[in-house]
Amino acid sequence: MSVLDNWINPYYLADETVEDIRQSILAKPGAKYVVLDNFFQIDKIDELIEAHKDLQFNEELDRRAPDTGQWLPYDGALVYAKPGVHTGSDLFFDEEWHRYLAYLTHCRMDFPTQTDVKLRWHRGDATGFWVHTDAVFRTMVAICYFNKGWKAADGGLLQMWRVDE
């Protein structure tokens, strides 16, 4: 079984679906993006959630107000995933995954490619991320949320701004 078959909902591997996604991305001016719900296999989400319950996050990125020690309203903490160490690394560092994403998004990537995987933790009452850039040196950014049962009523908004220099 391929890594894609193991992790991704078969619907998103079907030729017709892949082509529909590619065409929807091509039709967007500016930033090329796609939002795919129920993308991962449920058992893999369960495995990932369970494995990361006790993950030790980088406290340097703890977002607390320096004067009060109270959490700021944004993100929590992260750890950089390591191949073969963290659950999910079999997918996230795999060339087949990179080629699949590059094909979906019409993105030219050189292989082998450098991959950084950030596993983030957010408090239940966090209201988002700090505004940041993924800079021009990145060929592609894939943001994967592993929230089971999420509904639009739960909230959430991804904003992308194009900055021309």
Protein backbone atom coordinates (compact mmCIF):
# COMPACT_ATOMS: atom_id res chain seq x y z
CA MET A 1 0.00 0.00 0.00
CA SER A 2 1.37 3.43 -0.90
CA VAL A 3 1.75 6.16 1.68
CA LEU A 4 -1.03 8.12 -0.05
CA ASP A 5 -3.41 5.15 0.06
CA ASN A 6 -2.57 4.73 3.72
CA TRP A 7 -3.25 8.35 4.73
CA ILE A 8 -5.59 10.02 2.25
CA ASN A 9 -9.32 9.57 1.76
CA PRO A 10 -9.64 7.54 -1.49
CA TYR A 11 -12.00 10.17 -2.89
CA TYR A 12 -9.05 12.58 -3.15
CA LEU A 13 -6.96 10.05 -5.02
CA ALA A 14 -9.52 9.40 -7.76
CA ASP A 15 -8.40 10.76 -11.16
CA GLU A 16 -11.59 12.78 -11.69
CA THR A 17 -11.36 14.40 -8.24
CA VAL A 18 -7.67 15.21 -8.69
CA GLU A 19 -8.42 16.87 -12.03
CA ASP A 20 -11.33 18.85 -10.53
CA ILE A 21 -9.04 20.11 -7.75
CA ARG A 22 -6.32 21.06 -10.25
CA GLN A 23 -8.80 23.02 -12.36
CA SER A 24 -10.23 24.84 -9.33
CA ILE A 25 -6.72 25.91 -8.34
CA LEU A 26 -5.88 27.09 -11.85
CA ALA A 27 -9.03 29.23 -11.89
CA LYS A 28 -7.91 31.29 -8.88
CA PRO A 29 -6.09 34.54 -9.52
CA GLY A 30 -3.13 35.42 -7.29
CA ALA A 31 -2.63 32.88 -4.53
CA LYS A 32 -3.26 29.31 -5.61
CA TYR A 33 -4.97 27.35 -2.85
CA VAL A 34 -7.53 24.67 -2.15
CA VAL A 35 -9.47 23.65 0.97
CA LEU A 36 -10.24 19.93 1.24
CA ASP A 37 -12.49 18.61 4.00
CA ASN A 38 -12.28 15.00 5.20
CA PHE A 39 -8.98 14.67 3.38
CA PHE A 40 -7.26 12.20 5.71
CA GLN A 41 -8.28 8.69 6.71
CA ILE A 42 -10.08 8.76 10.08
CA ASP A 43 -7.93 5.98 11.56
CA LYS A 44 -4.78 7.95 10.67
CA ILE A 45 -6.20 11.08 12.32
CA ASP A 46 -6.93 9.02 15.43
CA GLU A 47 -3.38 7.64 15.38
CA LEU A 48 -1.88 11.11 14.96
CA ILE A 49 -3.99 12.66 17.73
CA GLU A 50 -3.18 9.83 20.15
CA ALA A 51 0.55 9.89 19.40
CA HIS A 52 0.79 13.62 19.90
CA LYS A 53 -1.13 13.90 23.17
CA ASP A 54 2.13 13.77 25.11
CA LEU A 55 4.31 15.59 22.60
CA GLN A 56 6.77 17.95 24.24
CA PHE A 57 6.40 21.35 22.59
CA ASN A 58 8.99 24.08 22.26
CA GLU A 59 8.38 26.45 25.14
CA GLU A 60 10.43 29.18 23.44
CA LEU A 61 7.40 29.82 21.28
CA ASP A 62 5.06 30.04 24.24
CA ARG A 63 2.88 33.11 23.59
CA ARG A 64 2.41 34.63 27.02
CA ALA A 65 2.39 38.31 27.85
CA PRO A 66 5.78 39.12 29.43
CA ASP A 67 4.30 41.41 32.09
CA THR A 68 1.42 39.18 33.30
CA GLY A 69 2.34 35.66 32.18
CA GLN A 70 -1.17 35.32 30.73
CA TRP A 71 -1.69 33.57 27.40
CA LEU A 72 -2.04 35.92 24.48
CA PRO A 73 -5.10 35.28 22.30
CA TYR A 74 -3.17 33.58 19.53
CA ASP A 75 -1.21 30.41 18.97
CA GLY A 76 0.35 28.01 21.42
CA ALA A 77 3.57 26.12 20.80
CA LEU A 78 5.23 23.88 18.23
CA VAL A 79 7.76 21.16 17.64
CA TYR A 80 9.57 20.45 14.38
CA ALA A 81 8.73 16.92 13.24
CA LYS A 82 11.58 14.55 12.49
CA PRO A 83 11.44 11.80 9.86
CA GLY A 84 10.93 8.38 11.40
CA VAL A 85 10.38 9.87 14.85
CA HIS A 86 6.99 11.56 14.82
CA THR A 87 3.72 9.96 13.79
CA GLY A 88 2.82 11.28 10.36
CA SER A 89 6.41 11.65 9.23
CA ASP A 90 5.93 8.64 6.93
CA LEU A 91 3.56 10.88 4.93
CA PHE A 92 4.88 14.39 5.43
CA PHE A 93 8.47 13.63 4.44
CA ASP A 94 7.59 11.24 1.62
CA GLU A 95 8.38 12.19 -1.98
CA GLU A 96 5.09 10.67 -3.18
CA TRP A 97 3.22 13.16 -0.93
CA HIS A 98 5.29 16.06 -2.26
CA ARG A 99 4.70 15.01 -5.86
CA TYR A 100 0.97 14.62 -5.21
CA LEU A 101 0.73 18.14 -3.75
CA ALA A 102 2.88 19.59 -6.54
CA TYR A 103 0.66 17.97 -9.15
CA LEU A 104 -2.56 19.19 -7.49
CA THR A 105 -1.30 22.76 -7.27
CA HIS A 106 0.62 22.96 -10.56
CA CYS A 107 3.70 23.75 -8.51
CA ARG A 108 7.17 23.09 -9.87
CA MET A 109 9.31 21.40 -7.26
CA ASP A 110 12.81 20.05 -7.44
CA PHE A 111 13.39 16.63 -5.94
CA PRO A 112 14.62 15.75 -3.50
CA THR A 113 13.10 18.71 -1.72
CA GLN A 114 13.65 20.19 1.72
CA THR A 115 10.66 19.81 3.99
CA ASP A 116 9.94 21.47 7.32
CA VAL A 117 7.02 20.05 9.26
CA LYS A 118 5.74 22.00 12.23
CA LEU A 119 3.41 20.24 14.65
CA ARG A 120 1.48 22.96 16.43
CA TRP A 121 -0.62 22.94 19.57
CA HIS A 122 -3.34 25.49 20.24
CA ARG A 123 -5.44 26.01 23.30
CA GLY A 124 -9.17 25.52 22.86
CA ASP A 125 -9.79 29.25 23.37
CA ALA A 126 -7.02 30.44 21.04
CA THR A 127 -8.31 32.88 18.44
CA GLY A 128 -5.76 32.27 15.70
CA PHE A 129 -2.15 32.55 14.62
CA TRP A 130 0.11 35.52 14.71
CA VAL A 131 0.17 37.21 11.34
CA HIS A 132 3.27 35.88 9.64
CA THR A 133 4.80 35.18 6.28
CA ASP A 134 5.98 31.95 4.80
CA ALA A 135 8.43 34.03 2.77
CA VAL A 136 9.42 33.84 -0.85
CA PHE A 137 11.89 31.00 -0.39
CA ARG A 138 9.05 28.52 0.10
CA THR A 139 7.79 26.72 -2.97
CA MET A 140 4.65 25.43 -1.28
CA VAL A 141 2.94 25.53 2.09
CA ALA A 142 0.47 22.82 3.10
CA ILE A 143 -1.59 23.49 6.21
CA CYS A 144 -3.25 20.36 7.58
CA TYR A 145 -5.73 20.47 10.44
CA PHE A 146 -6.41 17.24 12.28
CA ASN A 147 -9.65 18.18 14.02
CA LYS A 148 -12.29 15.50 14.02
CA GLY A 149 -15.90 16.54 13.57
CA TRP A 150 -15.12 20.20 12.81
CA LYS A 151 -18.08 22.22 11.53
CA ALA A 152 -18.14 25.70 10.00
CA ALA A 153 -20.04 26.85 13.10
CA ASP A 154 -16.91 26.03 15.17
CA GLY A 155 -15.20 28.98 13.51
CA GLY A 156 -11.97 29.37 11.67
CA LEU A 157 -10.72 31.57 8.89
CA LEU A 158 -7.61 31.38 6.77
CA GLN A 159 -6.57 34.71 5.29
CA MET A 160 -3.89 34.94 2.65
CA TRP A 161 -2.44 38.26 1.60
CA ARG A 162 -0.24 38.80 -1.38
CA VAL A 163 2.65 41.14 -0.74
CA ASP A 164 4.41 42.42 -3.84
CA GLU A 165 7.82 43.95 -3.37
